[in-house]
Amino acid sequence: MKFKAVTILTLVILALLTLFSFYYEIERYWYIILILAWLILISVGSFLIGLNFHLKAFSFKPKSTLKKVAITFDDGPHPKHTLKVLEVLKKHGAKATFFCIGEKIEKYPHILKSISIEGHSIGNHSYSHSNFIDFNLTTKWISEIEKTDELIQATIGKTPKLFRPPYGVTTPHLAKALKLTGHLVVGWNRRTLDTIIKNRNTILNRLKIKLKPGDIILLHDTQEQSLHILEHLLLYLKQQNFEAVTIEELYNEH
């Protein structure tokens, strides 16, 4: 179900309840249940990007036959950890995709250049990544996205085609903004929770279970433990004859 379909269905049921109330006694709690159900569906759809509730996102490569996965990093560039992540990726001959925040690009443009020089992909992850960014109206979203695009273009000479919503949350206003900017929205289907779970082995086990071709893995290059996780993940991928590629390569796989 999509946002528009859920909302229309809710309005239709609401109209029917109102109509029936002229002929039958309709308890008030039915209206409350209907509104609560709508709110729950909207909340779930907004927080789970893979459901494509508000917009279509590339969250994995379905029915992929090649043993390729995409490792992605959010919230950088980080002045310490990102460069170490690049070293680990280079050591194992792996490619990744970095979704970067505009404010951090302004502080560490040299790190963004290093990401690009090493042959990794760079995506837009908003300018501010503020705690309340999900409440942005369409115009504010466009400003956030375009400002970061301009920073990336000015730094590496390329305008990013990829966008990942902060926190993976989508809204109708963001959907409208992205329809205008034309970015490919990227989600994930393998969330490591590396910003929450502190046990490295737990995270690695979560990744190894049911790993399959076409997976998109979410990590953060702002976490020191992600270096350990990345190193062991790449070793495991080699053992299983998997290749870590950029989002573009996975998306364009035939």
Protein backbone atom coordinates (compact mmCIF):
# COMPACT_ATOMS: atom_id res chain seq x y z
CA MET A 1 0.00 0.00 0.00
CA LYS A 2 1.15 3.52 -0.79
CA PHE A 3 0.54 6.75 1.12
CA LYS A 4 -2.04 8.03 -1.35
CA ALA A 5 -3.95 4.74 -1.44
CA VAL A 6 -4.00 4.43 2.36
CA THR A 7 -5.22 8.00 2.77
CA ILE A 8 -7.95 7.66 0.13
CA LEU A 9 -9.13 4.38 1.65
CA THR A 10 -9.24 5.99 5.10
CA LEU A 11 -11.29 8.92 3.77
CA VAL A 12 -13.70 6.55 2.01
CA ILE A 13 -14.26 4.55 5.20
CA LEU A 14 -14.67 7.78 7.15
CA ALA A 15 -17.28 8.99 4.65
CA LEU A 16 -19.15 5.67 4.88
CA LEU A 17 -19.16 5.80 8.67
CA THR A 18 -20.54 9.34 8.53
CA LEU A 19 -23.22 8.28 6.03
CA PHE A 20 -24.26 5.26 8.09
CA SER A 21 -24.44 7.43 11.19
CA PHE A 22 -27.57 9.07 9.73
CA TYR A 23 -29.34 5.72 9.81
CA TYR A 24 -27.56 3.73 12.51
CA GLU A 25 -25.91 4.54 15.77
CA ILE A 26 -22.16 4.47 15.15
CA GLU A 27 -20.05 4.39 18.29
CA ARG A 28 -17.42 7.14 18.46
CA TYR A 29 -14.65 4.63 19.09
CA TRP A 30 -14.91 3.42 15.46
CA TYR A 31 -13.73 6.85 14.31
CA ILE A 32 -10.90 6.76 16.84
CA ILE A 33 -9.86 3.28 15.68
CA LEU A 34 -9.87 4.42 12.05
CA ILE A 35 -7.70 7.49 12.74
CA LEU A 36 -5.29 5.48 14.90
CA ALA A 37 -4.97 2.82 12.20
CA TRP A 38 -4.19 5.53 9.62
CA LEU A 39 -1.57 7.10 11.90
CA ILE A 40 0.09 3.73 12.55
CA LEU A 41 0.24 2.88 8.84
CA ILE A 42 1.65 6.33 8.02
CA SER A 43 4.29 6.03 10.74
CA VAL A 44 5.38 2.54 9.70
CA GLY A 45 5.48 3.51 6.03
CA SER A 46 7.51 6.64 6.76
CA PHE A 47 10.14 4.90 8.89
CA LEU A 48 10.64 1.81 6.72
CA ILE A 49 12.17 3.07 3.48
CA GLY A 50 12.09 -0.38 1.89
CA LEU A 51 8.29 -0.31 1.79
CA ASN A 52 8.38 2.45 -0.87
CA PHE A 53 5.42 4.03 0.92
CA HIS A 54 5.98 7.69 0.00
CA LEU A 55 8.51 7.24 -2.80
CA LYS A 56 10.37 4.55 -4.68
CA ALA A 57 13.77 3.71 -3.25
CA PHE A 58 16.49 1.34 -4.45
CA SER A 59 16.89 -0.77 -1.31
CA PHE A 60 18.27 -3.99 -2.82
CA LYS A 61 18.70 -5.71 -6.18
CA PRO A 62 15.92 -8.29 -6.42
CA LYS A 63 16.67 -11.61 -8.10
CA SER A 64 20.33 -10.68 -8.55
CA THR A 65 22.32 -13.55 -10.00
CA LEU A 66 25.80 -12.08 -9.52
CA LYS A 67 27.43 -12.31 -6.11
CA LYS A 68 27.68 -8.57 -5.56
CA VAL A 69 26.65 -6.44 -2.60
CA ALA A 70 26.86 -2.69 -1.97
CA ILE A 71 28.40 -1.42 1.27
CA THR A 72 27.24 2.11 2.10
CA PHE A 73 28.36 4.61 4.73
CA ASP A 74 26.22 7.41 6.14
CA ASP A 75 26.85 10.69 8.00
CA GLY A 76 30.43 11.47 6.96
CA PRO A 77 32.92 12.64 6.07
CA HIS A 78 34.47 12.14 9.49
CA PRO A 79 37.87 13.73 10.21
CA LYS A 80 39.31 10.53 11.69
CA HIS A 81 37.35 7.43 10.75
CA THR A 82 36.57 8.04 7.06
CA LEU A 83 40.22 8.00 5.99
CA LYS A 84 40.74 4.73 7.88
CA VAL A 85 37.68 3.27 6.17
CA LEU A 86 39.25 4.18 2.83
CA GLU A 87 42.44 2.38 3.83
CA VAL A 88 40.54 -0.81 4.67
CA LEU A 89 38.57 -0.69 1.42
CA LYS A 90 41.76 -0.18 -0.61
CA LYS A 91 43.48 -3.04 1.22
CA HIS A 92 40.74 -5.44 0.12
CA GLY A 93 40.15 -3.97 -3.33
CA ALA A 94 36.54 -3.14 -2.47
CA LYS A 95 34.35 -0.24 -3.52
CA ALA A 96 31.68 1.49 -1.44
CA THR A 97 29.23 4.38 -1.52
CA PHE A 98 29.41 7.30 0.91
CA PHE A 99 26.32 9.39 1.65
CA CYS A 100 27.72 12.67 2.91
CA ILE A 101 26.30 15.59 4.89
CA GLY A 102 26.77 19.07 3.43
CA GLU A 103 27.86 20.71 6.68
CA LYS A 104 30.62 18.12 7.08
CA ILE A 105 31.73 18.51 3.47
CA GLU A 106 32.32 22.19 4.20
CA LYS A 107 34.56 21.25 7.12
CA TYR A 108 36.44 18.37 5.47
CA PRO A 109 36.46 18.85 1.67
CA HIS A 110 39.85 17.11 1.41
CA ILE A 111 38.30 13.90 2.75
CA LEU A 112 35.53 14.06 0.18
CA LYS A 113 38.20 14.42 -2.50
CA SER A 114 39.97 11.34 -1.14
CA ILE A 115 36.74 9.33 -1.37
CA SER A 116 36.34 10.34 -5.00
CA ILE A 117 40.00 9.76 -5.93
CA GLU A 118 39.80 6.22 -4.52
CA GLY A 119 36.98 5.46 -6.96
CA HIS A 120 34.09 5.26 -4.51
CA SER A 121 30.64 6.71 -5.10
CA ILE A 122 29.37 9.79 -3.29
CA GLY A 123 25.73 10.49 -2.53
CA ASN A 124 23.76 13.36 -1.02
CA HIS A 125 22.63 12.90 2.59
CA SER A 126 21.12 16.39 3.11
CA TYR A 127 22.95 19.52 4.24
CA SER A 128 22.14 19.62 7.95
CA HIS A 129 20.85 16.15 8.91
CA SER A 130 19.11 17.95 11.79
CA ASN A 131 17.05 16.12 14.40
CA PHE A 132 13.86 17.66 13.04
CA ILE A 133 14.65 17.49 9.34
CA ASP A 134 11.76 15.11 8.68
CA PHE A 135 9.34 17.99 9.35
CA ASN A 136 10.77 20.02 6.45
CA LEU A 137 8.40 21.37 3.85
CA THR A 138 9.14 20.75 0.17
CA THR A 139 10.98 24.05 -0.37
CA LYS A 140 13.23 23.44 2.61
CA TRP A 141 14.03 19.92 1.39
CA ILE A 142 14.96 21.27 -2.04
CA SER A 143 17.27 23.80 -0.39
CA GLU A 144 18.96 21.09 1.71
CA ILE A 145 19.47 18.81 -1.29
CA GLU A 146 20.58 21.45 -3.79
CA LYS A 147 23.03 23.07 -1.36
CA THR A 148 24.76 19.74 -0.76
CA ASP A 149 24.78 18.97 -4.49
CA GLU A 150 26.53 22.28 -5.10
CA LEU A 151 29.14 21.57 -2.42
CA ILE A 152 29.91 18.15 -3.85
CA GLN A 153 30.13 19.56 -7.38
CA ALA A 154 32.46 22.33 -6.25
CA THR A 155 34.68 19.87 -4.37
CA ILE A 156 35.05 16.93 -6.77
CA GLY A 157 33.64 18.29 -10.03
CA LYS A 158 30.71 15.88 -10.11
CA THR A 159 27.07 16.37 -9.18
CA PRO A 160 25.73 13.41 -7.20
CA LYS A 161 22.86 11.39 -8.65
CA LEU A 162 22.19 9.49 -5.43
CA PHE A 163 20.28 10.62 -2.33
CA ARG A 164 19.64 8.86 0.95
CA PRO A 165 17.11 10.38 3.37
CA PRO A 166 18.45 11.14 6.85
CA TYR A 167 17.43 8.35 9.24
CA GLY A 168 15.86 6.60 6.25
CA VAL A 169 12.63 8.47 6.91
CA THR A 170 10.47 9.53 3.96
CA THR A 171 7.58 12.00 3.81
CA PRO A 172 5.22 13.43 1.17
CA HIS A 173 7.22 16.69 1.16
CA LEU A 174 10.49 14.85 0.59
CA ALA A 175 8.88 12.83 -2.19
CA LYS A 176 7.81 16.04 -3.95
CA ALA A 177 11.28 17.54 -3.57
CA LEU A 178 13.04 14.48 -4.99
CA LYS A 179 10.64 14.34 -7.91
CA LEU A 180 11.92 17.79 -8.82
CA THR A 181 15.64 17.13 -8.17
CA GLY A 182 15.61 13.78 -9.98
CA HIS A 183 17.90 11.87 -7.60
CA LEU A 184 17.92 8.10 -7.33
CA VAL A 185 16.77 7.44 -3.77
CA VAL A 186 18.82 4.74 -2.05
CA GLY A 187 17.72 2.74 0.96
CA TRP A 188 19.03 -0.54 2.35
CA ASN A 189 17.90 -4.02 3.29
CA ARG A 190 20.74 -4.91 5.69
CA ARG A 191 20.85 -2.47 8.61
CA THR A 192 23.73 -3.10 10.99
CA LEU A 193 22.55 -0.77 13.79
CA ASP A 194 26.24 0.07 14.31
CA THR A 195 25.30 3.34 16.01
CA ILE A 196 23.27 1.46 18.63
CA ILE A 197 24.70 -2.05 19.06
CA LYS A 198 28.16 -1.98 20.63
CA ASN A 199 28.96 -5.69 20.36
CA ARG A 200 30.94 -6.09 17.14
CA ASN A 201 30.35 -9.83 16.88
CA THR A 202 26.61 -9.33 17.16
CA ILE A 203 26.70 -6.89 14.25
CA LEU A 204 28.86 -9.19 12.13
CA ASN A 205 26.59 -12.13 12.81
CA ARG A 206 23.58 -10.02 11.80
CA LEU A 207 25.30 -9.30 8.49
CA LYS A 208 26.38 -12.85 7.77
CA ILE A 209 22.97 -14.39 8.36
CA LYS A 210 21.14 -14.82 5.05
CA LEU A 211 23.61 -12.61 3.15
CA LYS A 212 22.55 -12.74 -0.48
CA PRO A 213 23.44 -11.17 -3.85
CA GLY A 214 21.99 -7.71 -4.33
CA ASP A 215 22.06 -6.72 -0.66
CA ILE A 216 22.64 -3.09 0.32
CA ILE A 217 24.43 -2.81 3.67
CA LEU A 218 24.21 0.25 5.91
CA LEU A 219 27.22 1.29 8.02
CA HIS A 220 28.40 4.64 9.40
CA ASP A 221 31.91 6.01 8.91
CA THR A 222 31.38 8.07 12.08
CA GLN A 223 31.77 4.99 14.31
CA GLU A 224 35.17 3.63 15.32
CA GLN A 225 33.81 0.09 15.59
CA SER A 226 32.75 0.22 11.94
CA LEU A 227 36.41 -0.22 10.97
CA HIS A 228 36.56 -3.59 12.72
CA ILE A 229 33.19 -4.58 11.27
CA LEU A 230 34.22 -3.54 7.75
CA GLU A 231 37.52 -5.44 7.90
CA HIS A 232 35.88 -8.69 8.97
CA LEU A 233 32.93 -8.23 6.65
CA LEU A 234 35.24 -7.87 3.64
CA LEU A 235 37.16 -10.99 4.69
CA TYR A 236 33.88 -12.90 4.93
CA LEU A 237 32.75 -11.62 1.52
CA LYS A 238 35.98 -12.88 -0.03
CA GLN A 239 35.50 -16.29 1.58
CA GLN A 240 32.02 -16.46 0.08
CA ASN A 241 33.20 -15.19 -3.32
CA PHE A 242 31.20 -11.96 -3.01
CA GLU A 243 32.28 -8.63 -4.45
CA ALA A 244 31.65 -5.26 -2.79
CA VAL A 245 30.63 -2.70 -5.43
CA THR A 246 29.19 0.80 -5.64
CA ILE A 247 25.47 1.49 -5.68
CA GLU A 248 25.65 2.47 -9.36
CA GLU A 249 27.26 -0.83 -10.34
CA LEU A 250 24.70 -2.82 -8.39
CA TYR A 251 21.80 -0.76 -9.77
CA ASN A 252 22.96 -1.12 -13.38
CA GLU A 253 23.63 -4.84 -13.10
CA HIS A 254 21.84 -6.80 -15.82
